[in-house]
Amino acid sequence: MALFVQVKDTPDRFRPMADTLVPPLLELLRERSALEREIHEQ
């Protein structure tokens, strides 16, 4: 699943750090969401 995240209001000097940190955090959120769905279905 492709997801586009637009990082708003991030100063240019912090953009490389945001570009590095955001994708792994999104992956963790996806995994957590899947786990919660699985638990809820039981």
N, C-alpha and C. Protein backbone atom coordinates (compact mmCIF):
# COMPACT_ATOMS: atom_id res chain seq x y z
N MET A 1 0.85 -1.18 0.00
CA MET A 1 0.00 0.00 0.00
C MET A 1 0.89 1.24 0.00
N ALA A 2 0.68 2.10 -0.94
CA ALA A 2 1.46 3.33 -1.03
C ALA A 2 0.77 4.43 -0.23
N LEU A 3 1.55 5.20 0.43
CA LEU A 3 1.01 6.30 1.23
C LEU A 3 1.91 7.50 1.05
N PHE A 4 1.31 8.63 0.78
CA PHE A 4 2.05 9.87 0.63
C PHE A 4 1.82 10.71 1.87
N VAL A 5 2.89 11.11 2.52
CA VAL A 5 2.80 11.95 3.71
C VAL A 5 3.38 13.31 3.38
N GLN A 6 2.57 14.31 3.55
CA GLN A 6 3.03 15.67 3.30
C GLN A 6 3.40 16.27 4.65
N VAL A 7 4.66 16.59 4.80
CA VAL A 7 5.14 17.18 6.05
C VAL A 7 5.03 18.69 5.92
N LYS A 8 4.09 19.25 6.65
CA LYS A 8 3.85 20.70 6.57
C LYS A 8 4.57 21.41 7.70
N ASP A 9 4.82 22.65 7.46
CA ASP A 9 5.39 23.53 8.49
C ASP A 9 6.70 23.00 9.08
N THR A 10 7.45 22.27 8.28
CA THR A 10 8.75 21.79 8.75
C THR A 10 9.82 22.69 8.13
N PRO A 11 10.57 23.38 8.98
CA PRO A 11 11.64 24.23 8.45
C PRO A 11 12.61 23.41 7.60
N ASP A 12 13.17 24.06 6.59
CA ASP A 12 14.07 23.37 5.68
C ASP A 12 15.22 22.66 6.40
N ARG A 13 15.71 23.24 7.46
CA ARG A 13 16.85 22.62 8.14
C ARG A 13 16.46 21.31 8.84
N PHE A 14 15.16 21.11 9.12
CA PHE A 14 14.72 19.88 9.77
C PHE A 14 14.13 18.87 8.79
N ARG A 15 13.93 19.26 7.55
CA ARG A 15 13.29 18.37 6.57
C ARG A 15 14.05 17.06 6.38
N PRO A 16 15.40 17.05 6.27
CA PRO A 16 16.09 15.75 6.12
C PRO A 16 15.84 14.82 7.30
N MET A 17 15.77 15.38 8.50
CA MET A 17 15.51 14.55 9.67
C MET A 17 14.07 14.00 9.62
N ALA A 18 13.12 14.83 9.23
CA ALA A 18 11.74 14.37 9.10
C ALA A 18 11.63 13.29 8.04
N ASP A 19 12.32 13.48 6.92
CA ASP A 19 12.29 12.49 5.85
C ASP A 19 12.87 11.15 6.31
N THR A 20 13.77 11.19 7.26
CA THR A 20 14.38 9.97 7.79
C THR A 20 13.50 9.31 8.85
N LEU A 21 12.87 10.11 9.69
CA LEU A 21 12.11 9.57 10.82
C LEU A 21 10.67 9.18 10.51
N VAL A 22 10.03 9.89 9.63
CA VAL A 22 8.60 9.66 9.40
C VAL A 22 8.30 8.28 8.82
N PRO A 23 8.98 7.80 7.78
CA PRO A 23 8.62 6.48 7.23
C PRO A 23 8.68 5.32 8.23
N PRO A 24 9.73 5.21 9.06
CA PRO A 24 9.72 4.11 10.04
C PRO A 24 8.59 4.26 11.07
N LEU A 25 8.27 5.49 11.44
CA LEU A 25 7.17 5.69 12.39
C LEU A 25 5.84 5.29 11.77
N LEU A 26 5.65 5.59 10.51
CA LEU A 26 4.43 5.17 9.82
C LEU A 26 4.33 3.65 9.76
N GLU A 27 5.44 2.99 9.53
CA GLU A 27 5.43 1.53 9.49
C GLU A 27 5.05 0.96 10.85
N LEU A 28 5.57 1.53 11.92
CA LEU A 28 5.19 1.08 13.26
C LEU A 28 3.71 1.29 13.51
N LEU A 29 3.17 2.42 13.06
CA LEU A 29 1.74 2.67 13.23
C LEU A 29 0.89 1.67 12.45
N ARG A 30 1.34 1.33 11.24
CA ARG A 30 0.61 0.33 10.44
C ARG A 30 0.61 -1.03 11.15
N GLU A 31 1.77 -1.42 11.68
CA GLU A 31 1.87 -2.70 12.39
C GLU A 31 0.98 -2.71 13.63
N ARG A 32 0.98 -1.63 14.34
CA ARG A 32 0.14 -1.53 15.55
C ARG A 32 -1.33 -1.59 15.19
N SER A 33 -1.70 -0.90 14.15
CA SER A 33 -3.09 -0.91 13.70
C SER A 33 -3.53 -2.31 13.30
N ALA A 34 -2.67 -3.02 12.58
CA ALA A 34 -2.99 -4.39 12.18
C ALA A 34 -3.14 -5.29 13.40
N LEU A 35 -2.28 -5.13 14.37
CA LEU A 35 -2.36 -5.92 15.60
C LEU A 35 -3.65 -5.62 16.35
N GLU A 36 -4.01 -4.36 16.45
CA GLU A 36 -5.25 -3.99 17.14
C GLU A 36 -6.47 -4.56 16.42
N ARG A 37 -6.45 -4.53 15.08
CA ARG A 37 -7.55 -5.11 14.31
C ARG A 37 -7.66 -6.61 14.57
N GLU A 38 -6.51 -7.28 14.60
CA GLU A 38 -6.48 -8.72 14.84
C GLU A 38 -7.04 -9.04 16.22
N ILE A 39 -6.65 -8.29 17.22
CA ILE A 39 -7.12 -8.52 18.58
C ILE A 39 -8.62 -8.25 18.68
N HIS A 40 -9.07 -7.20 18.02
CA HIS A 40 -10.48 -6.83 18.07
C HIS A 40 -11.36 -7.90 17.41
N GLU A 41 -10.86 -8.54 16.37
CA GLU A 41 -11.62 -9.55 15.66
C GLU A 41 -11.77 -10.83 16.47
N GLN A 42 -10.92 -11.05 17.46
CA GLN A 42 -10.99 -12.28 18.26
C GLN A 42 -12.08 -12.26 19.27
